[in-house]
């Protein structure tokens, strides 16, 4: 099972369970996570949601097999595909229950959208992060509203453009994660947050989340569609096609004129 779901004492835990692919996500993983967050949102017994992963890597971004399929898609198919990821990020972002992410290993590309959409993110010092899309001729379009909101436009310019890796400490300074703790204290830290959350009034928690959204700029359906359209066009365009082909064929891309 690509995503396992468990419930314990009011906490719904979603575990990315594809260590053989470094927990890369594809359309099946996106669908499974979307369904899980929707179910948790509607379940009065769920007081908080925890996202975690098995294996040494939290999530490496998009799955290679999925990327091969996307490389053959036209713009309309890519738009539909991108909107599925957009819907997942939206349900995480607007989930009426507190959402946490336990980052025990590195997270790259689209995985950073999962973190930026979550309420509380705790990572270990060894975790590495990167927004890598431009390396293969793409752009981090669908995750961009969440990342720009999290790290600010100025920092987003740097990390969107350089695709450089950065440390957990830098992720902390950027606001992408809230705490960096040792691997030995990671679970205890998460447990402390869950204890505090499940002790609070459930309606008050929902209202508090809605309050933050009300006083901040919302990520609207129009923004979601625009970002999905942008990545669809980039994937279906010549540069995106060349970048994906080079990545899948393990060669340097020929950008032409570069």
C-alpha atoms as a PDB file:
ATOM      1  CA  UNK A   1       0.000   0.000   0.000  1.00  0.00           C
ATOM      2  CA  UNK A   2       1.490   3.348  -1.050  1.00  0.00           C
ATOM      3  CA  UNK A   3      -0.123   5.231   1.841  1.00  0.00           C
ATOM      4  CA  UNK A   4      -1.084   3.513   5.080  1.00  0.00           C
ATOM      5  CA  UNK A   5      -3.661   5.060   7.399  1.00  0.00           C
ATOM      6  CA  UNK A   6      -3.925   4.395  11.118  1.00  0.00           C
ATOM      7  CA  UNK A   7      -5.953   5.955  13.945  1.00  0.00           C
ATOM      8  CA  UNK A   8      -4.983   6.176  17.591  1.00  0.00           C
ATOM      9  CA  UNK A   9      -6.409   8.338  20.360  1.00  0.00           C
ATOM     10  CA  UNK A  10      -7.849  10.920  17.999  1.00  0.00           C
ATOM     11  CA  UNK A  11      -4.797  11.115  15.728  1.00  0.00           C
ATOM     12  CA  UNK A  12      -5.003   9.997  12.092  1.00  0.00           C
ATOM     13  CA  UNK A  13      -1.547   9.052  10.847  1.00  0.00           C
ATOM     14  CA  UNK A  14      -0.826   8.876   7.126  1.00  0.00           C
ATOM     15  CA  UNK A  15       2.411   7.107   6.243  1.00  0.00           C
ATOM     16  CA  UNK A  16       4.105   7.332   2.855  1.00  0.00           C
ATOM     17  CA  UNK A  17       5.084   3.712   2.397  1.00  0.00           C
ATOM     18  CA  UNK A  18       7.133   3.456  -0.776  1.00  0.00           C
ATOM     19  CA  UNK A  19      10.717   3.366   0.538  1.00  0.00           C
ATOM     20  CA  UNK A  20      11.851   1.547  -2.614  1.00  0.00           C
ATOM     21  CA  UNK A  21      11.079   4.735  -4.585  1.00  0.00           C
ATOM     22  CA  UNK A  22      12.248   7.074  -1.800  1.00  0.00           C
ATOM     23  CA  UNK A  23       8.541   7.709  -1.191  1.00  0.00           C
ATOM     24  CA  UNK A  24       8.147   9.442  -4.537  1.00  0.00           C
ATOM     25  CA  UNK A  25       4.557  10.309  -5.279  1.00  0.00           C
ATOM     26  CA  UNK A  26       2.457   9.572  -8.337  1.00  0.00           C
ATOM     27  CA  UNK A  27      -1.204   9.884  -9.201  1.00  0.00           C
ATOM     28  CA  UNK A  28      -2.088   6.908  -6.975  1.00  0.00           C
ATOM     29  CA  UNK A  29      -0.294   8.389  -3.957  1.00  0.00           C
ATOM     30  CA  UNK A  30      -1.900  11.776  -4.575  1.00  0.00           C
ATOM     31  CA  UNK A  31      -5.337  10.157  -4.804  1.00  0.00           C
ATOM     32  CA  UNK A  32      -4.760   8.119  -1.647  1.00  0.00           C
ATOM     33  CA  UNK A  33      -3.565  11.116   0.363  1.00  0.00           C
ATOM     34  CA  UNK A  34      -6.394  13.289  -0.919  1.00  0.00           C
ATOM     35  CA  UNK A  35      -8.979  10.686   0.115  1.00  0.00           C
ATOM     36  CA  UNK A  36      -7.307  10.267   3.510  1.00  0.00           C
ATOM     37  CA  UNK A  37      -7.286  13.997   4.283  1.00  0.00           C
ATOM     38  CA  UNK A  38     -10.906  14.334   3.139  1.00  0.00           C
ATOM     39  CA  UNK A  39     -11.941  11.446   5.385  1.00  0.00           C
ATOM     40  CA  UNK A  40     -10.065  12.869   8.367  1.00  0.00           C
ATOM     41  CA  UNK A  41     -11.612  16.279   7.778  1.00  0.00           C
ATOM     42  CA  UNK A  42     -15.104  14.801   7.994  1.00  0.00           C
ATOM     43  CA  UNK A  43     -14.455  12.423  10.899  1.00  0.00           C
ATOM     44  CA  UNK A  44     -15.424  13.966  14.268  1.00  0.00           C
ATOM     45  CA  UNK A  45     -13.267  11.382  16.053  1.00  0.00           C
ATOM     46  CA  UNK A  46     -10.105  12.756  14.385  1.00  0.00           C
ATOM     47  CA  UNK A  47      -8.544  15.569  16.373  1.00  0.00           C
ATOM     48  CA  UNK A  48      -5.255  15.905  14.457  1.00  0.00           C
ATOM     49  CA  UNK A  49      -3.534  14.511  11.354  1.00  0.00           C
ATOM     50  CA  UNK A  50       0.099  13.414  11.152  1.00  0.00           C
ATOM     51  CA  UNK A  51       1.971  12.862   7.868  1.00  0.00           C
ATOM     52  CA  UNK A  52       5.077  10.696   8.087  1.00  0.00           C
ATOM     53  CA  UNK A  53       7.106   8.325   5.921  1.00  0.00           C
ATOM     54  CA  UNK A  54       8.976   5.019   5.997  1.00  0.00           C
ATOM     55  CA  UNK A  55      12.557   4.509   4.842  1.00  0.00           C
ATOM     56  CA  UNK A  56      15.500   6.926   4.901  1.00  0.00           C
ATOM     57  CA  UNK A  57      13.872   9.659   2.749  1.00  0.00           C
ATOM     58  CA  UNK A  58      10.712  11.584   3.602  1.00  0.00           C
ATOM     59  CA  UNK A  59       9.756  12.166  -0.044  1.00  0.00           C
ATOM     60  CA  UNK A  60      11.866  12.617  -3.170  1.00  0.00           C
ATOM     61  CA  UNK A  61       9.156  14.336  -5.222  1.00  0.00           C
ATOM     62  CA  UNK A  62       7.589  12.898  -8.362  1.00  0.00           C
ATOM     63  CA  UNK A  63       7.883   9.221  -9.274  1.00  0.00           C
ATOM     64  CA  UNK A  64       9.912   8.410 -12.404  1.00  0.00           C
ATOM     65  CA  UNK A  65       7.237   6.196 -13.933  1.00  0.00           C
ATOM     66  CA  UNK A  66       4.670   8.932 -13.405  1.00  0.00           C
ATOM     67  CA  UNK A  67       7.035  11.476 -14.969  1.00  0.00           C
ATOM     68  CA  UNK A  68       7.434   9.251 -18.021  1.00  0.00           C
ATOM     69  CA  UNK A  69       3.659   9.244 -18.445  1.00  0.00           C
ATOM     70  CA  UNK A  70       3.479  13.012 -17.944  1.00  0.00           C
ATOM     71  CA  UNK A  71       6.135  13.509 -20.597  1.00  0.00           C
ATOM     72  CA  UNK A  72       3.731  12.046 -23.140  1.00  0.00           C
ATOM     73  CA  UNK A  73       0.762  14.130 -22.003  1.00  0.00           C
ATOM     74  CA  UNK A  74      -0.559  17.130 -23.887  1.00  0.00           C
ATOM     75  CA  UNK A  75      -1.358  20.421 -22.180  1.00  0.00           C
ATOM     76  CA  UNK A  76      -4.955  19.487 -21.288  1.00  0.00           C
ATOM     77  CA  UNK A  77      -3.949  16.152 -19.756  1.00  0.00           C
ATOM     78  CA  UNK A  78      -1.146  17.825 -17.834  1.00  0.00           C
ATOM     79  CA  UNK A  79      -3.580  20.434 -16.539  1.00  0.00           C
ATOM     80  CA  UNK A  80      -5.938  17.759 -15.219  1.00  0.00           C
ATOM     81  CA  UNK A  81      -3.022  15.902 -13.667  1.00  0.00           C
ATOM     82  CA  UNK A  82      -1.660  19.059 -12.028  1.00  0.00           C
ATOM     83  CA  UNK A  83      -5.060  19.939 -10.615  1.00  0.00           C
ATOM     84  CA  UNK A  84      -5.067  16.646  -8.701  1.00  0.00           C
ATOM     85  CA  UNK A  85      -1.910  17.706  -6.846  1.00  0.00           C
ATOM     86  CA  UNK A  86      -3.383  21.167  -6.382  1.00  0.00           C
ATOM     87  CA  UNK A  87      -6.488  19.632  -4.816  1.00  0.00           C
ATOM     88  CA  UNK A  88      -4.341  17.611  -2.415  1.00  0.00           C
ATOM     89  CA  UNK A  89      -2.416  20.668  -1.256  1.00  0.00           C
ATOM     90  CA  UNK A  90      -5.673  22.570  -0.865  1.00  0.00           C
ATOM     91  CA  UNK A  91      -7.269  19.940   1.362  1.00  0.00           C
ATOM     92  CA  UNK A  92      -4.129  19.804   3.531  1.00  0.00           C
ATOM     93  CA  UNK A  93      -4.083  23.587   3.749  1.00  0.00           C
ATOM     94  CA  UNK A  94      -7.785  23.929   4.568  1.00  0.00           C
ATOM     95  CA  UNK A  95      -8.220  20.757   6.640  1.00  0.00           C
ATOM     96  CA  UNK A  96     -10.318  21.733   9.681  1.00  0.00           C
ATOM     97  CA  UNK A  97      -8.074  19.558  11.860  1.00  0.00           C
ATOM     98  CA  UNK A  98      -4.479  20.490  12.782  1.00  0.00           C
ATOM     99  CA  UNK A  99      -2.028  18.920  10.330  1.00  0.00           C
ATOM    100  CA  UNK A 100       1.527  17.951  11.212  1.00  0.00           C
ATOM    101  CA  UNK A 101       4.453  16.633   9.171  1.00  0.00           C
ATOM    102  CA  UNK A 102       7.225  14.495  10.663  1.00  0.00           C
ATOM    103  CA  UNK A 103      10.262  14.974   8.424  1.00  0.00           C
ATOM    104  CA  UNK A 104      12.741  12.275   9.378  1.00  0.00           C
ATOM    105  CA  UNK A 105      14.680  12.525   6.090  1.00  0.00           C
ATOM    106  CA  UNK A 106      15.139  14.664   3.022  1.00  0.00           C
ATOM    107  CA  UNK A 107      12.319  16.244   1.024  1.00  0.00           C
ATOM    108  CA  UNK A 108      12.567  17.502  -2.540  1.00  0.00           C
ATOM    109  CA  UNK A 109      10.462  19.204  -5.229  1.00  0.00           C
ATOM    110  CA  UNK A 110       6.723  18.626  -4.809  1.00  0.00           C
ATOM    111  CA  UNK A 111       7.248  17.205  -1.316  1.00  0.00           C
ATOM    112  CA  UNK A 112       7.942  20.737  -0.119  1.00  0.00           C
ATOM    113  CA  UNK A 113       4.394  21.629  -1.053  1.00  0.00           C
ATOM    114  CA  UNK A 114       3.145  18.995   1.409  1.00  0.00           C
ATOM    115  CA  UNK A 115       5.209  20.653   4.133  1.00  0.00           C
ATOM    116  CA  UNK A 116       4.275  24.222   3.272  1.00  0.00           C
ATOM    117  CA  UNK A 117       0.577  23.312   3.335  1.00  0.00           C
ATOM    118  CA  UNK A 118       0.845  21.657   6.780  1.00  0.00           C
ATOM    119  CA  UNK A 119       0.281  23.510  10.040  1.00  0.00           C
ATOM    120  CA  UNK A 120       3.285  22.217  11.995  1.00  0.00           C
ATOM    121  CA  UNK A 121       6.474  20.725  10.538  1.00  0.00           C
ATOM    122  CA  UNK A 122       9.254  19.138  12.578  1.00  0.00           C
ATOM    123  CA  UNK A 123      12.465  17.957  10.919  1.00  0.00           C
ATOM    124  CA  UNK A 124      15.740  16.330  11.882  1.00  0.00           C
ATOM    125  CA  UNK A 125      19.059  18.176  11.340  1.00  0.00           C
ATOM    126  CA  UNK A 126      20.169  15.671   8.683  1.00  0.00           C
ATOM    127  CA  UNK A 127      17.223  16.416   6.384  1.00  0.00           C
ATOM    128  CA  UNK A 128      18.014  18.182   3.122  1.00  0.00           C
ATOM    129  CA  UNK A 129      15.580  20.208   1.035  1.00  0.00           C
ATOM    130  CA  UNK A 130      15.481  21.480  -2.550  1.00  0.00           C
ATOM    131  CA  UNK A 131      13.038  22.930  -5.058  1.00  0.00           C
ATOM    132  CA  UNK A 132      14.515  21.193  -8.079  1.00  0.00           C
ATOM    133  CA  UNK A 133      12.027  21.643 -10.911  1.00  0.00           C
ATOM    134  CA  UNK A 134      14.031  24.063 -13.101  1.00  0.00           C
ATOM    135  CA  UNK A 135      16.825  21.504 -13.420  1.00  0.00           C
ATOM    136  CA  UNK A 136      14.579  19.471 -15.695  1.00  0.00           C
ATOM    137  CA  UNK A 137      12.986  22.379 -17.502  1.00  0.00           C
ATOM    138  CA  UNK A 138       9.914  22.622 -15.285  1.00  0.00           C
ATOM    139  CA  UNK A 139       8.649  25.085 -12.657  1.00  0.00           C
ATOM    140  CA  UNK A 140       7.302  24.526  -9.111  1.00  0.00           C
ATOM    141  CA  UNK A 141       3.981  25.988 -10.161  1.00  0.00           C
ATOM    142  CA  UNK A 142       1.364  24.095  -8.149  1.00  0.00           C
ATOM    143  CA  UNK A 143       3.373  24.254  -4.906  1.00  0.00           C
ATOM    144  CA  UNK A 144       4.408  27.877  -5.464  1.00  0.00           C
ATOM    145  CA  UNK A 145       1.524  29.637  -3.642  1.00  0.00           C
ATOM    146  CA  UNK A 146       2.273  27.667  -0.491  1.00  0.00           C
ATOM    147  CA  UNK A 147       6.040  28.113  -0.710  1.00  0.00           C
ATOM    148  CA  UNK A 148       5.870  31.835  -1.483  1.00  0.00           C
ATOM    149  CA  UNK A 149       3.456  32.297   1.403  1.00  0.00           C
ATOM    150  CA  UNK A 150       5.809  30.336   3.657  1.00  0.00           C
ATOM    151  CA  UNK A 151       9.243  31.699   2.742  1.00  0.00           C
ATOM    152  CA  UNK A 152       8.349  34.987   1.082  1.00  0.00           C
ATOM    153  CA  UNK A 153       8.840  36.080  -2.500  1.00  0.00           C
ATOM    154  CA  UNK A 154      12.431  37.217  -2.019  1.00  0.00           C
ATOM    155  CA  UNK A 155      13.685  33.852  -0.768  1.00  0.00           C
ATOM    156  CA  UNK A 156      11.467  31.966  -3.206  1.00  0.00           C
ATOM    157  CA  UNK A 157      13.218  33.734  -6.090  1.00  0.00           C
ATOM    158  CA  UNK A 158      16.552  32.344  -4.966  1.00  0.00           C
ATOM    159  CA  UNK A 159      15.525  28.773  -4.264  1.00  0.00           C
ATOM    160  CA  UNK A 160      13.152  28.440  -7.224  1.00  0.00           C
ATOM    161  CA  UNK A 161      15.920  29.612  -9.573  1.00  0.00           C
ATOM    162  CA  UNK A 162      19.028  27.884  -8.180  1.00  0.00           C
ATOM    163  CA  UNK A 163      17.390  24.547  -7.251  1.00  0.00           C
ATOM    164  CA  UNK A 164      20.139  24.312  -4.636  1.00  0.00           C
ATOM    165  CA  UNK A 165      19.947  21.994  -1.660  1.00  0.00           C
ATOM    166  CA  UNK A 166      19.555  23.617   1.725  1.00  0.00           C
ATOM    167  CA  UNK A 167      19.773  22.331   5.254  1.00  0.00           C
ATOM    168  CA  UNK A 168      17.132  21.811   7.904  1.00  0.00           C
ATOM    169  CA  UNK A 169      18.516  24.842   9.713  1.00  0.00           C
ATOM    170  CA  UNK A 170      17.993  26.964   6.601  1.00  0.00           C
ATOM    171  CA  UNK A 171      14.511  25.504   6.208  1.00  0.00           C
ATOM    172  CA  UNK A 172      13.858  26.607   9.787  1.00  0.00           C
ATOM    173  CA  UNK A 173      15.078  30.122   9.045  1.00  0.00           C
ATOM    174  CA  UNK A 174      12.911  30.239   5.910  1.00  0.00           C
ATOM    175  CA  UNK A 175       9.826  29.171   7.872  1.00  0.00           C
ATOM    176  CA  UNK A 176       9.412  25.928   5.942  1.00  0.00           C
ATOM    177  CA  UNK A 177       9.822  23.941   9.155  1.00  0.00           C
ATOM    178  CA  UNK A 178       8.960  25.032  12.677  1.00  0.00           C
ATOM    179  CA  UNK A 179      11.440  22.976  14.649  1.00  0.00           C
ATOM    180  CA  UNK A 180      14.650  21.060  14.048  1.00  0.00           C
ATOM    181  CA  UNK A 181      15.242  18.339  16.618  1.00  0.00           C
ATOM    182  CA  UNK A 182      17.462  15.293  16.880  1.00  0.00           C
ATOM    183  CA  UNK A 183      16.269  11.977  15.512  1.00  0.00           C
ATOM    184  CA  UNK A 184      16.242  10.675  19.087  1.00  0.00           C
ATOM    185  CA  UNK A 185      13.751  13.343  20.192  1.00  0.00           C
ATOM    186  CA  UNK A 186      11.697  13.605  16.996  1.00  0.00           C
ATOM    187  CA  UNK A 187       8.864  11.328  18.096  1.00  0.00           C
ATOM    188  CA  UNK A 188       8.733  12.866  21.572  1.00  0.00           C
ATOM    189  CA  UNK A 189       8.487  16.323  20.023  1.00  0.00           C
ATOM    190  CA  UNK A 190       5.675  15.220  17.724  1.00  0.00           C
ATOM    191  CA  UNK A 191       3.920  13.554  20.656  1.00  0.00           C
ATOM    192  CA  UNK A 192       4.141  16.799  22.621  1.00  0.00           C
ATOM    193  CA  UNK A 193       2.470  18.726  19.825  1.00  0.00           C
ATOM    194  CA  UNK A 194      -0.245  16.099  19.461  1.00  0.00           C
ATOM    195  CA  UNK A 195      -0.906  16.133  23.203  1.00  0.00           C
ATOM    196  CA  UNK A 196      -1.348  19.904  23.144  1.00  0.00           C
ATOM    197  CA  UNK A 197      -3.593  19.789  20.088  1.00  0.00           C
ATOM    198  CA  UNK A 198      -5.853  17.012  21.323  1.00  0.00           C
ATOM    199  CA  UNK A 199      -6.248  18.839  24.651  1.00  0.00           C
ATOM    200  CA  UNK A 200      -7.576  21.966  22.961  1.00  0.00           C
ATOM    201  CA  UNK A 201     -11.154  22.637  21.933  1.00  0.00           C
ATOM    202  CA  UNK A 202     -11.719  21.047  18.516  1.00  0.00           C
ATOM    203  CA  UNK A 203     -14.027  23.822  17.343  1.00  0.00           C
ATOM    204  CA  UNK A 204     -11.588  26.432  18.600  1.00  0.00           C
ATOM    205  CA  UNK A 205      -8.752  24.810  16.647  1.00  0.00           C
ATOM    206  CA  UNK A 206     -10.802  24.896  13.460  1.00  0.00           C
ATOM    207  CA  UNK A 207     -11.818  28.495  14.115  1.00  0.00           C
ATOM    208  CA  UNK A 208      -8.197  29.463  14.810  1.00  0.00           C
ATOM    209  CA  UNK A 209      -7.085  27.999  11.482  1.00  0.00           C
ATOM    210  CA  UNK A 210      -9.910  29.795   9.707  1.00  0.00           C
ATOM    211  CA  UNK A 211      -8.909  33.016  11.454  1.00  0.00           C
ATOM    212  CA  UNK A 212      -5.386  32.838  10.073  1.00  0.00           C
ATOM    213  CA  UNK A 213      -6.745  32.190   6.574  1.00  0.00           C
ATOM    214  CA  UNK A 214      -9.179  35.076   6.904  1.00  0.00           C
ATOM    215  CA  UNK A 215      -6.481  37.609   7.743  1.00  0.00           C
ATOM    216  CA  UNK A 216      -3.966  36.241   5.215  1.00  0.00           C
ATOM    217  CA  UNK A 217      -4.315  36.132   1.442  1.00  0.00           C
ATOM    218  CA  UNK A 218      -6.290  33.019   0.451  1.00  0.00           C
ATOM    219  CA  UNK A 219      -5.169  30.538  -2.208  1.00  0.00           C
ATOM    220  CA  UNK A 220      -8.269  30.723  -4.383  1.00  0.00           C
ATOM    221  CA  UNK A 221      -9.552  28.305  -7.033  1.00  0.00           C
ATOM    222  CA  UNK A 222      -8.431  30.843  -9.637  1.00  0.00           C
ATOM    223  CA  UNK A 223      -4.865  30.703  -8.287  1.00  0.00           C
ATOM    224  CA  UNK A 224      -4.983  26.903  -8.193  1.00  0.00           C
ATOM    225  CA  UNK A 225      -6.122  26.735 -11.820  1.00  0.00           C
ATOM    226  CA  UNK A 226      -3.562  29.300 -12.956  1.00  0.00           C
ATOM    227  CA  UNK A 227      -0.653  27.406 -11.374  1.00  0.00           C
ATOM    228  CA  UNK A 228      -1.890  24.097 -12.809  1.00  0.00           C
ATOM    229  CA  UNK A 229      -2.147  25.726 -16.259  1.00  0.00           C
ATOM    230  CA  UNK A 230       1.394  27.091 -15.993  1.00  0.00           C
ATOM    231  CA  UNK A 231       2.962  23.727 -15.169  1.00  0.00           C
ATOM    232  CA  UNK A 232       0.817  22.018 -17.826  1.00  0.00           C
ATOM    233  CA  UNK A 233       2.130  24.423 -20.461  1.00  0.00           C
ATOM    234  CA  UNK A 234       5.704  24.024 -19.224  1.00  0.00           C
ATOM    235  CA  UNK A 235       5.529  20.225 -19.234  1.00  0.00           C
ATOM    236  CA  UNK A 236       4.016  20.098 -22.710  1.00  0.00           C
ATOM    237  CA  UNK A 237       6.406  22.719 -24.155  1.00  0.00           C
ATOM    238  CA  UNK A 238       9.682  22.006 -25.905  1.00  0.00           C
ATOM    239  CA  UNK A 239      11.909  22.852 -22.955  1.00  0.00           C
ATOM    240  CA  UNK A 240       9.890  20.808 -20.502  1.00  0.00           C
ATOM    241  CA  UNK A 241       9.836  17.866 -22.884  1.00  0.00           C
ATOM    242  CA  UNK A 242      13.612  18.054 -23.351  1.00  0.00           C
ATOM    243  CA  UNK A 243      14.221  18.417 -19.618  1.00  0.00           C
ATOM    244  CA  UNK A 244      12.052  15.447 -18.750  1.00  0.00           C
ATOM    245  CA  UNK A 245      13.573  13.334 -21.522  1.00  0.00           C
ATOM    246  CA  UNK A 246      17.110  14.165 -20.402  1.00  0.00           C
ATOM    247  CA  UNK A 247      16.250  13.403 -16.789  1.00  0.00           C
ATOM    248  CA  UNK A 248      14.665  10.066 -17.628  1.00  0.00           C
ATOM    249  CA  UNK A 249      17.508   9.171 -20.018  1.00  0.00           C
ATOM    250  CA  UNK A 250      20.155  10.228 -17.460  1.00  0.00           C
ATOM    251  CA  UNK A 251      21.860  12.750 -19.722  1.00  0.00           C
ATOM    252  CA  UNK A 252      22.426  16.478 -19.738  1.00  0.00           C
ATOM    253  CA  UNK A 253      19.597  18.438 -21.319  1.00  0.00           C
ATOM    254  CA  UNK A 254      20.173  20.259 -24.580  1.00  0.00           C
ATOM    255  CA  UNK A 255      18.576  23.631 -23.906  1.00  0.00           C
ATOM    256  CA  UNK A 256      19.504  24.930 -27.352  1.00  0.00           C
ATOM    257  CA  UNK A 257      21.133  28.410 -27.426  1.00  0.00           C
ATOM    258  CA  UNK A 258      22.360  27.959 -23.811  1.00  0.00           C
END
